[in-house]
Amino acid sequence: MHYRRVLGIGLTAAGILGYFVGVYAAYPGRAFSLTLTMVGITLAFTTPATEAEL
């Protein structure tokens, strides 16, 4: 299983959700949603295609 890809997709989803919640309701730390999105996208797209490439 590509745990980095799954983690990346999860972080991206959490970051996007946090961003949209932050648009409607201000909460402390909402700027970290953009960081989560960037890190999630990076993890999702830098994961090798096959296990043999690890």
PDB file of N, CA and C in Angstrom:
ATOM      1  N   MET A   1       0.842  -1.181   0.000  1.00  0.00           N
ATOM      2  CA  MET A   1       0.000   0.000   0.000  1.00  0.00           C
ATOM      3  C   MET A   1       0.883   1.239   0.000  1.00  0.00           C
ATOM      4  N   HIS A   2       0.469   2.209  -0.709  1.00  0.00           N
ATOM      5  CA  HIS A   2       1.216   3.459  -0.804  1.00  0.00           C
ATOM      6  C   HIS A   2       0.761   4.393   0.310  1.00  0.00           C
ATOM      7  N   TYR A   3       1.365   4.216   1.471  1.00  0.00           N
ATOM      8  CA  TYR A   3       0.928   4.981   2.638  1.00  0.00           C
ATOM      9  C   TYR A   3       1.154   6.477   2.458  1.00  0.00           C
ATOM     10  N   ARG A   4       2.212   6.864   1.719  1.00  0.00           N
ATOM     11  CA  ARG A   4       2.444   8.292   1.504  1.00  0.00           C
ATOM     12  C   ARG A   4       1.370   8.904   0.617  1.00  0.00           C
ATOM     13  N   ARG A   5       0.914   8.160  -0.379  1.00  0.00           N
ATOM     14  CA  ARG A   5      -0.142   8.669  -1.250  1.00  0.00           C
ATOM     15  C   ARG A   5      -1.456   8.806  -0.485  1.00  0.00           C
ATOM     16  N   VAL A   6      -1.780   7.797   0.328  1.00  0.00           N
ATOM     17  CA  VAL A   6      -3.005   7.851   1.132  1.00  0.00           C
ATOM     18  C   VAL A   6      -2.920   9.009   2.132  1.00  0.00           C
ATOM     19  N   LEU A   7      -1.772   9.159   2.772  1.00  0.00           N
ATOM     20  CA  LEU A   7      -1.574  10.270   3.701  1.00  0.00           C
ATOM     21  C   LEU A   7      -1.696  11.609   2.973  1.00  0.00           C
ATOM     22  N   GLY A   8      -1.120  11.710   1.787  1.00  0.00           N
ATOM     23  CA  GLY A   8      -1.197  12.940   1.001  1.00  0.00           C
ATOM     24  C   GLY A   8      -2.618  13.298   0.618  1.00  0.00           C
ATOM     25  N   ILE A   9      -3.379  12.306   0.194  1.00  0.00           N
ATOM     26  CA  ILE A   9      -4.776  12.554  -0.175  1.00  0.00           C
ATOM     27  C   ILE A   9      -5.579  12.969   1.053  1.00  0.00           C
ATOM     28  N   GLY A  10      -5.328  12.323   2.176  1.00  0.00           N
ATOM     29  CA  GLY A  10      -6.028  12.681   3.411  1.00  0.00           C
ATOM     30  C   GLY A  10      -5.696  14.091   3.883  1.00  0.00           C
ATOM     31  N   LEU A  11      -4.414  14.455   3.823  1.00  0.00           N
ATOM     32  CA  LEU A  11      -4.022  15.809   4.226  1.00  0.00           C
ATOM     33  C   LEU A  11      -4.594  16.862   3.286  1.00  0.00           C
ATOM     34  N   THR A  12      -4.610  16.543   2.002  1.00  0.00           N
ATOM     35  CA  THR A  12      -5.195  17.477   1.030  1.00  0.00           C
ATOM     36  C   THR A  12      -6.675  17.683   1.307  1.00  0.00           C
ATOM     37  N   ALA A  13      -7.388  16.602   1.545  1.00  0.00           N
ATOM     38  CA  ALA A  13      -8.821  16.707   1.832  1.00  0.00           C
ATOM     39  C   ALA A  13      -9.063  17.496   3.117  1.00  0.00           C
ATOM     40  N   ALA A  14      -8.270  17.240   4.143  1.00  0.00           N
ATOM     41  CA  ALA A  14      -8.425  17.971   5.405  1.00  0.00           C
ATOM     42  C   ALA A  14      -8.102  19.448   5.223  1.00  0.00           C
ATOM     43  N   GLY A  15      -7.080  19.741   4.432  1.00  0.00           N
ATOM     44  CA  GLY A  15      -6.712  21.134   4.187  1.00  0.00           C
ATOM     45  C   GLY A  15      -7.779  21.889   3.417  1.00  0.00           C
ATOM     46  N   ILE A  16      -8.346  21.252   2.408  1.00  0.00           N
ATOM     47  CA  ILE A  16      -9.407  21.902   1.623  1.00  0.00           C
ATOM     48  C   ILE A  16     -10.646  22.111   2.486  1.00  0.00           C
ATOM     49  N   LEU A  17     -10.996  21.119   3.269  1.00  0.00           N
ATOM     50  CA  LEU A  17     -12.139  21.258   4.170  1.00  0.00           C
ATOM     51  C   LEU A  17     -11.891  22.381   5.179  1.00  0.00           C
ATOM     52  N   GLY A  18     -10.705  22.422   5.746  1.00  0.00           N
ATOM     53  CA  GLY A  18     -10.358  23.482   6.694  1.00  0.00           C
ATOM     54  C   GLY A  18     -10.386  24.853   6.062  1.00  0.00           C
ATOM     55  N   TYR A  19      -9.984  24.938   4.798  1.00  0.00           N
ATOM     56  CA  TYR A  19     -10.013  26.220   4.100  1.00  0.00           C
ATOM     57  C   TYR A  19     -11.450  26.712   3.941  1.00  0.00           C
ATOM     58  N   PHE A  20     -12.336  25.826   3.492  1.00  0.00           N
ATOM     59  CA  PHE A  20     -13.723  26.240   3.288  1.00  0.00           C
ATOM     60  C   PHE A  20     -14.436  26.568   4.602  1.00  0.00           C
ATOM     61  N   VAL A  21     -14.105  25.843   5.657  1.00  0.00           N
ATOM     62  CA  VAL A  21     -14.673  26.178   6.963  1.00  0.00           C
ATOM     63  C   VAL A  21     -14.146  27.544   7.406  1.00  0.00           C
ATOM     64  N   GLY A  22     -12.880  27.811   7.151  1.00  0.00           N
ATOM     65  CA  GLY A  22     -12.282  29.087   7.525  1.00  0.00           C
ATOM     66  C   GLY A  22     -12.828  30.267   6.746  1.00  0.00           C
ATOM     67  N   VAL A  23     -13.357  30.032   5.547  1.00  0.00           N
ATOM     68  CA  VAL A  23     -13.972  31.109   4.774  1.00  0.00           C
ATOM     69  C   VAL A  23     -15.240  31.593   5.473  1.00  0.00           C
ATOM     70  N   TYR A  24     -15.974  30.687   6.060  1.00  0.00           N
ATOM     71  CA  TYR A  24     -17.258  31.032   6.669  1.00  0.00           C
ATOM     72  C   TYR A  24     -17.171  31.345   8.158  1.00  0.00           C
ATOM     73  N   ALA A  25     -16.210  30.778   8.846  1.00  0.00           N
ATOM     74  CA  ALA A  25     -16.081  31.002  10.285  1.00  0.00           C
ATOM     75  C   ALA A  25     -14.603  31.118  10.640  1.00  0.00           C
ATOM     76  N   ALA A  26     -14.240  32.244  11.190  1.00  0.00           N
ATOM     77  CA  ALA A  26     -12.842  32.441  11.585  1.00  0.00           C
ATOM     78  C   ALA A  26     -12.513  31.565  12.792  1.00  0.00           C
ATOM     79  N   TYR A  27     -11.394  30.883  12.729  1.00  0.00           N
ATOM     80  CA  TYR A  27     -10.945  30.077  13.861  1.00  0.00           C
ATOM     81  C   TYR A  27      -9.423  30.151  13.932  1.00  0.00           C
ATOM     82  N   PRO A  28      -8.843  30.019  15.109  1.00  0.00           N
ATOM     83  CA  PRO A  28      -7.391  30.116  15.250  1.00  0.00           C
ATOM     84  C   PRO A  28      -6.685  29.008  14.462  1.00  0.00           C
ATOM     85  N   GLY A  29      -5.647  29.370  13.769  1.00  0.00           N
ATOM     86  CA  GLY A  29      -4.866  28.386  13.037  1.00  0.00           C
ATOM     87  C   GLY A  29      -5.402  28.031  11.663  1.00  0.00           C
ATOM     88  N   ARG A  30      -6.337  28.791  11.148  1.00  0.00           N
ATOM     89  CA  ARG A  30      -6.931  28.435   9.855  1.00  0.00           C
ATOM     90  C   ARG A  30      -5.939  28.568   8.699  1.00  0.00           C
ATOM     91  N   ALA A  31      -4.876  29.320   8.879  1.00  0.00           N
ATOM     92  CA  ALA A  31      -3.865  29.450   7.822  1.00  0.00           C
ATOM     93  C   ALA A  31      -3.125  28.126   7.599  1.00  0.00           C
ATOM     94  N   PHE A  32      -3.124  27.258   8.600  1.00  0.00           N
ATOM     95  CA  PHE A  32      -2.464  25.965   8.445  1.00  0.00           C
ATOM     96  C   PHE A  32      -3.189  25.055   7.450  1.00  0.00           C
ATOM     97  N   SER A  33      -4.426  25.384   7.106  1.00  0.00           N
ATOM     98  CA  SER A  33      -5.136  24.581   6.112  1.00  0.00           C
ATOM     99  C   SER A  33      -4.440  24.664   4.757  1.00  0.00           C
ATOM    100  N   LEU A  34      -3.878  25.821   4.432  1.00  0.00           N
ATOM    101  CA  LEU A  34      -3.133  25.942   3.178  1.00  0.00           C
ATOM    102  C   LEU A  34      -1.850  25.118   3.233  1.00  0.00           C
ATOM    103  N   THR A  35      -1.199  25.108   4.383  1.00  0.00           N
ATOM    104  CA  THR A  35       0.001  24.292   4.544  1.00  0.00           C
ATOM    105  C   THR A  35      -0.326  22.811   4.401  1.00  0.00           C
ATOM    106  N   LEU A  36      -1.411  22.372   5.025  1.00  0.00           N
ATOM    107  CA  LEU A  36      -1.828  20.971   4.895  1.00  0.00           C
ATOM    108  C   LEU A  36      -2.092  20.613   3.439  1.00  0.00           C
ATOM    109  N   THR A  37      -2.738  21.513   2.723  1.00  0.00           N
ATOM    110  CA  THR A  37      -3.040  21.251   1.319  1.00  0.00           C
ATOM    111  C   THR A  37      -1.756  21.122   0.504  1.00  0.00           C
ATOM    112  N   MET A  38      -0.806  22.017   0.713  1.00  0.00           N
ATOM    113  CA  MET A  38       0.452  21.958  -0.040  1.00  0.00           C
ATOM    114  C   MET A  38       1.250  20.697   0.277  1.00  0.00           C
ATOM    115  N   VAL A  39       1.333  20.346   1.550  1.00  0.00           N
ATOM    116  CA  VAL A  39       2.069  19.139   1.943  1.00  0.00           C
ATOM    117  C   VAL A  39       1.363  17.899   1.406  1.00  0.00           C
ATOM    118  N   GLY A  40       0.036  17.878   1.483  1.00  0.00           N
ATOM    119  CA  GLY A  40      -0.724  16.741   0.973  1.00  0.00           C
ATOM    120  C   GLY A  40      -0.537  16.524  -0.513  1.00  0.00           C
ATOM    121  N   ILE A  41      -0.583  17.601  -1.275  1.00  0.00           N
ATOM    122  CA  ILE A  41      -0.383  17.490  -2.725  1.00  0.00           C
ATOM    123  C   ILE A  41       1.026  16.995  -3.022  1.00  0.00           C
ATOM    124  N   THR A  42       1.999  17.512  -2.293  1.00  0.00           N
ATOM    125  CA  THR A  42       3.387  17.078  -2.504  1.00  0.00           C
ATOM    126  C   THR A  42       3.545  15.593  -2.210  1.00  0.00           C
ATOM    127  N   LEU A  43       3.000  15.125  -1.102  1.00  0.00           N
ATOM    128  CA  LEU A  43       3.102  13.701  -0.775  1.00  0.00           C
ATOM    129  C   LEU A  43       2.372  12.826  -1.793  1.00  0.00           C
ATOM    130  N   ALA A  44       1.205  13.262  -2.221  1.00  0.00           N
ATOM    131  CA  ALA A  44       0.421  12.459  -3.155  1.00  0.00           C
ATOM    132  C   ALA A  44       1.114  12.319  -4.505  1.00  0.00           C
ATOM    133  N   PHE A  45       1.774  13.378  -4.962  1.00  0.00           N
ATOM    134  CA  PHE A  45       2.361  13.337  -6.298  1.00  0.00           C
ATOM    135  C   PHE A  45       3.814  12.922  -6.334  1.00  0.00           C
ATOM    136  N   THR A  46       4.476  12.807  -5.195  1.00  0.00           N
ATOM    137  CA  THR A  46       5.870  12.357  -5.198  1.00  0.00           C
ATOM    138  C   THR A  46       6.016  10.894  -4.803  1.00  0.00           C
ATOM    139  N   THR A  47       4.902  10.221  -4.582  1.00  0.00           N
ATOM    140  CA  THR A  47       4.941   8.797  -4.252  1.00  0.00           C
ATOM    141  C   THR A  47       5.241   8.000  -5.521  1.00  0.00           C
ATOM    142  N   PRO A  48       6.198   7.075  -5.464  1.00  0.00           N
ATOM    143  CA  PRO A  48       6.505   6.255  -6.648  1.00  0.00           C
ATOM    144  C   PRO A  48       5.290   5.443  -7.110  1.00  0.00           C
ATOM    145  N   ALA A  49       5.262   5.122  -8.389  1.00  0.00           N
ATOM    146  CA  ALA A  49       4.138   4.417  -8.975  1.00  0.00           C
ATOM    147  C   ALA A  49       4.055   2.958  -8.512  1.00  0.00           C
ATOM    148  N   THR A  50       5.181   2.312  -8.265  1.00  0.00           N
ATOM    149  CA  THR A  50       5.191   0.907  -7.862  1.00  0.00           C
ATOM    150  C   THR A  50       6.019   0.720  -6.604  1.00  0.00           C
ATOM    151  N   GLU A  51       5.809  -0.380  -5.938  1.00  0.00           N
ATOM    152  CA  GLU A  51       6.570  -0.689  -4.733  1.00  0.00           C
ATOM    153  C   GLU A  51       8.043  -0.947  -5.065  1.00  0.00           C
ATOM    154  N   ALA A  52       8.353  -1.430  -6.255  1.00  0.00           N
ATOM    155  CA  ALA A  52       9.721  -1.750  -6.636  1.00  0.00           C
ATOM    156  C   ALA A  52      10.575  -0.496  -6.718  1.00  0.00           C
ATOM    157  N   GLU A  53       9.964   0.663  -6.938  1.00  0.00           N
ATOM    158  CA  GLU A  53      10.727   1.904  -7.048  1.00  0.00           C
ATOM    159  C   GLU A  53      11.107   2.458  -5.695  1.00  0.00           C
ATOM    160  N   LEU A  54      10.549   1.927  -4.619  1.00  0.00           N
ATOM    161  CA  LEU A  54      10.899   2.402  -3.283  1.00  0.00           C
ATOM    162  C   LEU A  54      12.270   1.919  -2.961  1.00  0.00           C
TER     163      LEU A  54
END
